[in-house]
Amino acid sequence: MLDRSLVAFITAGDPNPRKTLDFMLILEKYADIIELGIPFSDPVADGKTIQKASVRALKARFRVRDVFEIVRKFREHSDKKVVLMTYYNPVFRMGVERFVSLSSQSGADGIIAVDLPVEESDEYREICGAHGIRTIFIASPNTSDRRLELIDNSSTGFVYLTSDYGTTGKRDKIGKRAFEFVRRAKKICKNPVGVGFGISRKEHVKRLIDAGADGVIVGSAIVELVEQYGEDADAYIEEIVRELARGLN
């Protein structure tokens, strides 16, 4: 699913569903995969930028079912891969079978269930497999080799490596821990590995790809532009994603 790839994240419904579709059509020009975050009231893995995006979307009365309509409309224009990022509570409340089925019907390619422990994911993975939805699990630098192998065996899309501890958020510098983790993961994982959390510059992308990452995930740097410019963020988003994509070459 990843091969020197740029994964670009935005929050669905921020600032409104119509603009989410517009932003996706900009991202697909330069990104290899679009990661579409489902707003949640308690996004524990996300830093302030994406937390505020979730709040804006929820205040605009965005609902989980709306994400499927956005993906469906996107599919009228593009076959670029789309991964849904969600916390497990919305999946559980809707029902795993229904959530995964609607994801598949809308045209989504994969799901990241951020806070679902891989050890408790058997039913979820079985249902995803039945509907052709790829599973993506997250590992952090303190994940043991044994657990990283389990995460790899449970993932059918790619393994999502966090560049550091803590939450998401734009960083000026990617620390050496990220590069050490990439090198360790590449020795263990059969799946491609993508690195996220903190990546915001072309130089970050280039260095991580050169270190062996199969892809990089950029979120807060893009979402911050939506916060700053709202419905007028189109040109700013295009500029940054185009520049980030240059780091792949």
C-alpha atoms as a PDB file:
ATOM      1  CA  MET A   1       0.000   0.000   0.000  1.00  0.00           C
ATOM      2  CA  LEU A   2       3.013   2.272   0.524  1.00  0.00           C
ATOM      3  CA  ASP A   3       5.947   2.707  -1.824  1.00  0.00           C
ATOM      4  CA  ARG A   4       7.789   6.001  -1.332  1.00  0.00           C
ATOM      5  CA  SER A   5       4.371   7.427  -0.534  1.00  0.00           C
ATOM      6  CA  LEU A   6       2.983  10.616   0.939  1.00  0.00           C
ATOM      7  CA  VAL A   7      -0.091  10.164   3.132  1.00  0.00           C
ATOM      8  CA  ALA A   8      -1.961  13.442   3.705  1.00  0.00           C
ATOM      9  CA  PHE A   9      -4.404  13.774   6.612  1.00  0.00           C
ATOM     10  CA  ILE A  10      -7.357  16.107   7.078  1.00  0.00           C
ATOM     11  CA  THR A  11     -10.272  16.019   9.505  1.00  0.00           C
ATOM     12  CA  ALA A  12     -13.625  15.267   7.874  1.00  0.00           C
ATOM     13  CA  GLY A  13     -16.165  18.055   8.287  1.00  0.00           C
ATOM     14  CA  ASP A  14     -13.603  20.764   9.035  1.00  0.00           C
ATOM     15  CA  PRO A  15     -14.760  23.409   8.328  1.00  0.00           C
ATOM     16  CA  ASN A  16     -17.715  21.701   6.565  1.00  0.00           C
ATOM     17  CA  PRO A  17     -18.362  18.569   4.457  1.00  0.00           C
ATOM     18  CA  ARG A  18     -18.372  20.442   1.149  1.00  0.00           C
ATOM     19  CA  LYS A  19     -14.918  21.876   1.763  1.00  0.00           C
ATOM     20  CA  THR A  20     -13.652  18.499   2.945  1.00  0.00           C
ATOM     21  CA  LEU A  21     -14.373  17.151  -0.527  1.00  0.00           C
ATOM     22  CA  ASP A  22     -12.690  20.185  -2.114  1.00  0.00           C
ATOM     23  CA  PHE A  23      -9.616  19.674   0.063  1.00  0.00           C
ATOM     24  CA  MET A  24      -9.465  15.967  -0.807  1.00  0.00           C
ATOM     25  CA  LEU A  25      -9.441  16.808  -4.498  1.00  0.00           C
ATOM     26  CA  ILE A  26      -6.464  19.088  -3.882  1.00  0.00           C
ATOM     27  CA  LEU A  27      -4.617  16.473  -1.809  1.00  0.00           C
ATOM     28  CA  GLU A  28      -5.074  13.768  -4.414  1.00  0.00           C
ATOM     29  CA  LYS A  29      -2.980  15.721  -6.930  1.00  0.00           C
ATOM     30  CA  TYR A  30       0.171  15.170  -4.865  1.00  0.00           C
ATOM     31  CA  ALA A  31      -0.528  12.627  -2.094  1.00  0.00           C
ATOM     32  CA  ASP A  32      -0.552   8.889  -2.708  1.00  0.00           C
ATOM     33  CA  ILE A  33      -3.063   8.212   0.066  1.00  0.00           C
ATOM     34  CA  ILE A  34      -5.588  10.482   1.766  1.00  0.00           C
ATOM     35  CA  GLU A  35      -6.166   9.823   5.453  1.00  0.00           C
ATOM     36  CA  LEU A  36      -9.568  11.138   6.462  1.00  0.00           C
ATOM     37  CA  GLY A  37     -10.039  11.604  10.191  1.00  0.00           C
ATOM     38  CA  ILE A  38     -13.447  11.063  11.747  1.00  0.00           C
ATOM     39  CA  PRO A  39     -14.083  13.776  14.379  1.00  0.00           C
ATOM     40  CA  PHE A  40     -14.261  12.475  17.941  1.00  0.00           C
ATOM     41  CA  SER A  41     -14.948  14.218  21.216  1.00  0.00           C
ATOM     42  CA  ASP A  42     -11.962  12.714  23.072  1.00  0.00           C
ATOM     43  CA  PRO A  43      -9.118  12.291  20.548  1.00  0.00           C
ATOM     44  CA  VAL A  44      -6.462  11.161  23.027  1.00  0.00           C
ATOM     45  CA  ALA A  45      -3.719  10.505  20.466  1.00  0.00           C
ATOM     46  CA  ASP A  46      -4.065  13.909  18.823  1.00  0.00           C
ATOM     47  CA  GLY A  47      -2.426  17.165  19.749  1.00  0.00           C
ATOM     48  CA  LYS A  48      -4.119  20.556  19.958  1.00  0.00           C
ATOM     49  CA  THR A  49      -4.299  21.203  16.218  1.00  0.00           C
ATOM     50  CA  ILE A  50      -6.304  18.090  15.361  1.00  0.00           C
ATOM     51  CA  GLN A  51      -8.265  18.259  18.621  1.00  0.00           C
ATOM     52  CA  LYS A  52      -9.476  21.720  17.634  1.00  0.00           C
ATOM     53  CA  ALA A  53     -10.335  20.456  14.151  1.00  0.00           C
ATOM     54  CA  SER A  54     -12.539  17.761  15.698  1.00  0.00           C
ATOM     55  CA  VAL A  55     -14.254  20.378  17.850  1.00  0.00           C
ATOM     56  CA  ARG A  56     -14.925  22.605  14.833  1.00  0.00           C
ATOM     57  CA  ALA A  57     -16.384  19.711  12.856  1.00  0.00           C
ATOM     58  CA  LEU A  58     -18.569  18.506  15.729  1.00  0.00           C
ATOM     59  CA  LYS A  59     -19.847  22.048  16.359  1.00  0.00           C
ATOM     60  CA  ALA A  60     -20.824  22.124  12.696  1.00  0.00           C
ATOM     61  CA  ARG A  61     -22.978  19.051  13.507  1.00  0.00           C
ATOM     62  CA  PHE A  62     -20.812  16.604  11.571  1.00  0.00           C
ATOM     63  CA  ARG A  63     -21.806  12.976  12.166  1.00  0.00           C
ATOM     64  CA  VAL A  64     -19.952   9.724  11.557  1.00  0.00           C
ATOM     65  CA  ARG A  65     -22.276   8.721   8.717  1.00  0.00           C
ATOM     66  CA  ASP A  66     -21.318  11.905   6.868  1.00  0.00           C
ATOM     67  CA  VAL A  67     -17.812  10.584   6.228  1.00  0.00           C
ATOM     68  CA  PHE A  68     -19.161   7.788   4.051  1.00  0.00           C
ATOM     69  CA  GLU A  69     -21.015  10.270   1.851  1.00  0.00           C
ATOM     70  CA  ILE A  70     -17.845  12.355   1.463  1.00  0.00           C
ATOM     71  CA  VAL A  71     -15.839   9.317   0.358  1.00  0.00           C
ATOM     72  CA  ARG A  72     -18.639   8.270  -1.972  1.00  0.00           C
ATOM     73  CA  LYS A  73     -18.615  11.693  -3.640  1.00  0.00           C
ATOM     74  CA  PHE A  74     -14.818  11.640  -3.827  1.00  0.00           C
ATOM     75  CA  ARG A  75     -15.010   8.344  -5.692  1.00  0.00           C
ATOM     76  CA  GLU A  76     -16.932  10.125  -8.464  1.00  0.00           C
ATOM     77  CA  HIS A  77     -13.732  12.052  -9.180  1.00  0.00           C
ATOM     78  CA  SER A  78     -10.769   9.941  -8.105  1.00  0.00           C
ATOM     79  CA  ASP A  79      -9.564   6.405  -7.414  1.00  0.00           C
ATOM     80  CA  LYS A  80      -6.788   7.614  -5.083  1.00  0.00           C
ATOM     81  CA  LYS A  81      -6.568   5.452  -1.956  1.00  0.00           C
ATOM     82  CA  VAL A  82      -8.523   6.652   1.087  1.00  0.00           C
ATOM     83  CA  VAL A  83      -7.895   5.480   4.653  1.00  0.00           C
ATOM     84  CA  LEU A  84     -10.338   6.357   7.433  1.00  0.00           C
ATOM     85  CA  MET A  85      -8.807   7.256  10.791  1.00  0.00           C
ATOM     86  CA  THR A  86     -11.095   6.768  13.763  1.00  0.00           C
ATOM     87  CA  TYR A  87     -11.174   5.985  17.442  1.00  0.00           C
ATOM     88  CA  TYR A  88     -12.888   2.713  18.241  1.00  0.00           C
ATOM     89  CA  ASN A  89     -15.864   4.181  20.108  1.00  0.00           C
ATOM     90  CA  PRO A  90     -17.687   5.322  16.916  1.00  0.00           C
ATOM     91  CA  VAL A  91     -17.049   1.916  15.350  1.00  0.00           C
ATOM     92  CA  PHE A  92     -18.367   0.085  18.399  1.00  0.00           C
ATOM     93  CA  ARG A  93     -21.444   2.303  18.739  1.00  0.00           C
ATOM     94  CA  MET A  94     -22.413   1.919  15.097  1.00  0.00           C
ATOM     95  CA  GLY A  95     -21.583  -1.767  15.134  1.00  0.00           C
ATOM     96  CA  VAL A  96     -18.374  -3.139  13.656  1.00  0.00           C
ATOM     97  CA  GLU A  97     -20.123  -4.944  10.812  1.00  0.00           C
ATOM     98  CA  ARG A  98     -22.138  -1.881   9.802  1.00  0.00           C
ATOM     99  CA  PHE A  99     -19.214   0.540  10.090  1.00  0.00           C
ATOM    100  CA  VAL A 100     -16.867  -1.609   8.034  1.00  0.00           C
ATOM    101  CA  SER A 101     -19.573  -2.432   5.483  1.00  0.00           C
ATOM    102  CA  LEU A 102     -20.399   1.245   4.963  1.00  0.00           C
ATOM    103  CA  SER A 103     -16.690   2.054   4.705  1.00  0.00           C
ATOM    104  CA  SER A 104     -16.328  -0.528   1.963  1.00  0.00           C
ATOM    105  CA  GLN A 105     -19.483   0.536   0.142  1.00  0.00           C
ATOM    106  CA  SER A 106     -18.386   4.163   0.135  1.00  0.00           C
ATOM    107  CA  GLY A 107     -15.053   3.285  -1.492  1.00  0.00           C
ATOM    108  CA  ALA A 108     -12.638   3.494   1.439  1.00  0.00           C
ATOM    109  CA  ASP A 109      -9.556   1.281   1.196  1.00  0.00           C
ATOM    110  CA  GLY A 110      -8.497   0.939   4.825  1.00  0.00           C
ATOM    111  CA  ILE A 111      -9.139   1.885   8.442  1.00  0.00           C
ATOM    112  CA  ILE A 112      -6.901   2.995  11.273  1.00  0.00           C
ATOM    113  CA  ALA A 113      -8.670   2.342  14.595  1.00  0.00           C
ATOM    114  CA  VAL A 114      -6.269   4.340  16.726  1.00  0.00           C
ATOM    115  CA  ASP A 115      -7.042   3.056  20.204  1.00  0.00           C
ATOM    116  CA  LEU A 116      -8.035  -0.532  19.423  1.00  0.00           C
ATOM    117  CA  PRO A 117      -5.385  -2.821  20.964  1.00  0.00           C
ATOM    118  CA  VAL A 118      -4.174  -5.324  18.423  1.00  0.00           C
ATOM    119  CA  GLU A 119      -4.627  -8.073  21.028  1.00  0.00           C
ATOM    120  CA  GLU A 120      -8.382  -7.367  21.089  1.00  0.00           C
ATOM    121  CA  SER A 121      -8.888  -6.931  17.351  1.00  0.00           C
ATOM    122  CA  ASP A 122      -9.786 -10.430  16.138  1.00  0.00           C
ATOM    123  CA  GLU A 123     -13.450  -9.724  15.330  1.00  0.00           C
ATOM    124  CA  TYR A 124     -12.649  -6.342  13.783  1.00  0.00           C
ATOM    125  CA  ARG A 125      -9.910  -7.799  11.578  1.00  0.00           C
ATOM    126  CA  GLU A 126     -12.104 -10.677  10.463  1.00  0.00           C
ATOM    127  CA  ILE A 127     -14.884  -8.288   9.438  1.00  0.00           C
ATOM    128  CA  CYS A 128     -12.450  -5.965   7.662  1.00  0.00           C
ATOM    129  CA  GLY A 129     -11.045  -8.904   5.738  1.00  0.00           C
ATOM    130  CA  ALA A 130     -14.510 -10.023   4.685  1.00  0.00           C
ATOM    131  CA  HIS A 131     -15.235  -6.567   3.253  1.00  0.00           C
ATOM    132  CA  GLY A 132     -11.862  -6.016   1.598  1.00  0.00           C
ATOM    133  CA  ILE A 133     -10.862  -3.252   4.018  1.00  0.00           C
ATOM    134  CA  ARG A 134      -7.180  -3.054   4.913  1.00  0.00           C
ATOM    135  CA  THR A 135      -6.216  -2.820   8.561  1.00  0.00           C
ATOM    136  CA  ILE A 136      -3.501  -0.468   9.799  1.00  0.00           C
ATOM    137  CA  PHE A 137      -2.199  -0.644  13.368  1.00  0.00           C
ATOM    138  CA  ILE A 138       0.042   1.816  15.186  1.00  0.00           C
ATOM    139  CA  ALA A 139       3.372   1.218  16.909  1.00  0.00           C
ATOM    140  CA  SER A 140       5.465   3.671  18.939  1.00  0.00           C
ATOM    141  CA  PRO A 141       9.217   3.722  19.578  1.00  0.00           C
ATOM    142  CA  ASN A 142       8.813   1.847  22.872  1.00  0.00           C
ATOM    143  CA  THR A 143       6.867  -1.003  21.227  1.00  0.00           C
ATOM    144  CA  SER A 144       8.756  -4.232  21.847  1.00  0.00           C
ATOM    145  CA  ASP A 145      10.023  -6.352  18.966  1.00  0.00           C
ATOM    146  CA  ARG A 146       7.545  -9.095  19.861  1.00  0.00           C
ATOM    147  CA  ARG A 147       4.570  -6.730  19.846  1.00  0.00           C
ATOM    148  CA  LEU A 148       5.781  -5.022  16.676  1.00  0.00           C
ATOM    149  CA  GLU A 149       5.766  -8.422  15.002  1.00  0.00           C
ATOM    150  CA  LEU A 150       2.178  -8.976  16.223  1.00  0.00           C
ATOM    151  CA  ILE A 151       1.139  -5.560  14.881  1.00  0.00           C
ATOM    152  CA  ASP A 152       2.768  -6.367  11.553  1.00  0.00           C
ATOM    153  CA  ASN A 153       1.004  -9.740  11.343  1.00  0.00           C
ATOM    154  CA  SER A 154      -2.329  -8.055  12.110  1.00  0.00           C
ATOM    155  CA  SER A 155      -1.942  -5.266   9.548  1.00  0.00           C
ATOM    156  CA  THR A 156      -2.942  -5.763   5.929  1.00  0.00           C
ATOM    157  CA  GLY A 157      -2.252  -2.220   4.709  1.00  0.00           C
ATOM    158  CA  PHE A 158       0.858  -0.896   6.392  1.00  0.00           C
ATOM    159  CA  VAL A 159       2.294  -0.436   9.880  1.00  0.00           C
ATOM    160  CA  TYR A 160       1.960   3.110  11.204  1.00  0.00           C
ATOM    161  CA  LEU A 161       5.043   4.128  13.184  1.00  0.00           C
ATOM    162  CA  THR A 162       4.845   7.194  15.405  1.00  0.00           C
ATOM    163  CA  SER A 163       8.032   9.243  15.184  1.00  0.00           C
ATOM    164  CA  ASP A 164       8.126   9.855  18.937  1.00  0.00           C
ATOM    165  CA  TYR A 165       6.124   9.513  22.138  1.00  0.00           C
ATOM    166  CA  GLY A 166       3.131  11.717  22.916  1.00  0.00           C
ATOM    167  CA  THR A 167       0.515  13.113  20.583  1.00  0.00           C
ATOM    168  CA  THR A 168       0.347  14.465  17.058  1.00  0.00           C
ATOM    169  CA  GLY A 169       1.577  17.955  16.280  1.00  0.00           C
ATOM    170  CA  LYS A 170       3.855  19.828  13.909  1.00  0.00           C
ATOM    171  CA  ARG A 171       7.530  19.714  14.917  1.00  0.00           C
ATOM    172  CA  ASP A 172      10.511  21.678  13.703  1.00  0.00           C
ATOM    173  CA  LYS A 173      12.822  18.695  13.987  1.00  0.00           C
ATOM    174  CA  ILE A 174      12.459  14.932  13.709  1.00  0.00           C
ATOM    175  CA  GLY A 175      14.603  13.351  16.423  1.00  0.00           C
ATOM    176  CA  LYS A 176      17.000  10.459  16.028  1.00  0.00           C
ATOM    177  CA  ARG A 177      14.555   8.167  17.842  1.00  0.00           C
ATOM    178  CA  ALA A 178      12.361   8.183  14.724  1.00  0.00           C
ATOM    179  CA  PHE A 179      15.164   7.059  12.444  1.00  0.00           C
ATOM    180  CA  GLU A 180      16.270   4.343  14.866  1.00  0.00           C
ATOM    181  CA  PHE A 181      12.683   3.093  15.035  1.00  0.00           C
ATOM    182  CA  VAL A 182      12.367   2.983  11.239  1.00  0.00           C
ATOM    183  CA  ARG A 183      15.530   0.920  10.944  1.00  0.00           C
ATOM    184  CA  ARG A 184      14.364  -1.493  13.664  1.00  0.00           C
ATOM    185  CA  ALA A 185      10.876  -1.828  12.179  1.00  0.00           C
ATOM    186  CA  LYS A 186      12.220  -2.551   8.704  1.00  0.00           C
ATOM    187  CA  LYS A 187      14.102  -5.548  10.109  1.00  0.00           C
ATOM    188  CA  ILE A 188      10.924  -6.944  11.684  1.00  0.00           C
ATOM    189  CA  CYS A 189       7.952  -5.917   9.530  1.00  0.00           C
ATOM    190  CA  LYS A 190       6.935  -7.651   6.327  1.00  0.00           C
ATOM    191  CA  ASN A 191       4.429  -4.872   5.633  1.00  0.00           C
ATOM    192  CA  PRO A 192       5.483  -1.429   4.435  1.00  0.00           C
ATOM    193  CA  VAL A 193       5.991   1.073   7.232  1.00  0.00           C
ATOM    194  CA  GLY A 194       4.746   4.657   7.293  1.00  0.00           C
ATOM    195  CA  VAL A 195       5.941   7.285   9.764  1.00  0.00           C
ATOM    196  CA  GLY A 196       3.712   9.987  11.228  1.00  0.00           C
ATOM    197  CA  PHE A 197       3.531  12.527  14.084  1.00  0.00           C
ATOM    198  CA  GLY A 198       5.395  15.784  13.655  1.00  0.00           C
ATOM    199  CA  ILE A 199       6.337  15.698   9.979  1.00  0.00           C
ATOM    200  CA  SER A 200       5.869  19.117   8.438  1.00  0.00           C
ATOM    201  CA  ARG A 201       8.679  19.814   5.976  1.00  0.00           C
ATOM    202  CA  LYS A 202      10.051  18.444   2.718  1.00  0.00           C
ATOM    203  CA  GLU A 203      13.344  17.764   4.497  1.00  0.00           C
ATOM    204  CA  HIS A 204      11.583  15.590   7.076  1.00  0.00           C
ATOM    205  CA  VAL A 205      10.014  13.548   4.287  1.00  0.00           C
ATOM    206  CA  LYS A 206      13.313  13.093   2.462  1.00  0.00           C
ATOM    207  CA  ARG A 207      15.275  12.050   5.536  1.00  0.00           C
ATOM    208  CA  LEU A 208      12.697   9.480   6.644  1.00  0.00           C
ATOM    209  CA  ILE A 209      12.403   7.993   3.162  1.00  0.00           C
ATOM    210  CA  ASP A 210      16.188   7.847   2.931  1.00  0.00           C
ATOM    211  CA  ALA A 211      16.232   6.074   6.311  1.00  0.00           C
ATOM    212  CA  GLY A 212      14.033   3.321   4.882  1.00  0.00           C
ATOM    213  CA  ALA A 213      10.442   4.414   5.540  1.00  0.00           C
ATOM    214  CA  ASP A 214       8.029   3.359   2.802  1.00  0.00           C
ATOM    215  CA  GLY A 215       5.846   6.383   3.421  1.00  0.00           C
ATOM    216  CA  VAL A 216       5.301   9.440   5.582  1.00  0.00           C
ATOM    217  CA  ILE A 217       2.071  10.738   7.087  1.00  0.00           C
ATOM    218  CA  VAL A 218       1.476  14.483   7.400  1.00  0.00           C
ATOM    219  CA  GLY A 219      -1.500  15.834   9.321  1.00  0.00           C
ATOM    220  CA  SER A 220      -1.161  18.758  11.699  1.00  0.00           C
ATOM    221  CA  ALA A 221       0.778  20.907   9.223  1.00  0.00           C
ATOM    222  CA  ILE A 222      -2.179  20.673   6.821  1.00  0.00           C
ATOM    223  CA  VAL A 223      -4.948  20.915   9.419  1.00  0.00           C
ATOM    224  CA  GLU A 224      -3.300  24.019  10.840  1.00  0.00           C
ATOM    225  CA  LEU A 225      -3.914  25.737   7.501  1.00  0.00           C
ATOM    226  CA  VAL A 226      -7.611  24.874   7.685  1.00  0.00           C
ATOM    227  CA  GLU A 227      -7.713  26.396  11.162  1.00  0.00           C
ATOM    228  CA  GLN A 228      -5.984  29.525   9.907  1.00  0.00           C
ATOM    229  CA  TYR A 229      -7.764  30.068   6.588  1.00  0.00           C
ATOM    230  CA  GLY A 230     -10.985  28.054   6.818  1.00  0.00           C
ATOM    231  CA  GLU A 231     -12.808  27.759   3.514  1.00  0.00           C
ATOM    232  CA  ASP A 232     -10.070  29.806   1.841  1.00  0.00           C
ATOM    233  CA  ALA A 233      -7.303  27.312   2.640  1.00  0.00           C
ATOM    234  CA  ASP A 234      -7.257  25.643  -0.797  1.00  0.00           C
ATOM    235  CA  ALA A 235      -4.184  27.352  -2.260  1.00  0.00           C
ATOM    236  CA  TYR A 236      -2.232  27.075   1.000  1.00  0.00           C
ATOM    237  CA  ILE A 237      -2.962  23.346   1.254  1.00  0.00           C
ATOM    238  CA  GLU A 238      -1.930  22.794  -2.353  1.00  0.00           C
ATOM    239  CA  GLU A 239       1.327  24.647  -1.793  1.00  0.00           C
ATOM    240  CA  ILE A 240       2.410  22.668   1.257  1.00  0.00           C
ATOM    241  CA  VAL A 241       1.406  19.234  -0.070  1.00  0.00           C
ATOM    242  CA  ARG A 242       3.128  19.882  -3.390  1.00  0.00           C
ATOM    243  CA  GLU A 243       6.283  20.867  -1.500  1.00  0.00           C
ATOM    244  CA  LEU A 244       6.099  17.829   0.817  1.00  0.00           C
ATOM    245  CA  ALA A 245       5.718  15.502  -2.171  1.00  0.00           C
ATOM    246  CA  ARG A 246       9.015  16.810  -3.546  1.00  0.00           C
ATOM    247  CA  GLY A 247      10.725  15.232  -0.553  1.00  0.00           C
ATOM    248  CA  LEU A 248       9.908  11.782  -1.950  1.00  0.00           C
ATOM    249  CA  ASN A 249      12.232  12.220  -4.925  1.00  0.00           C
END
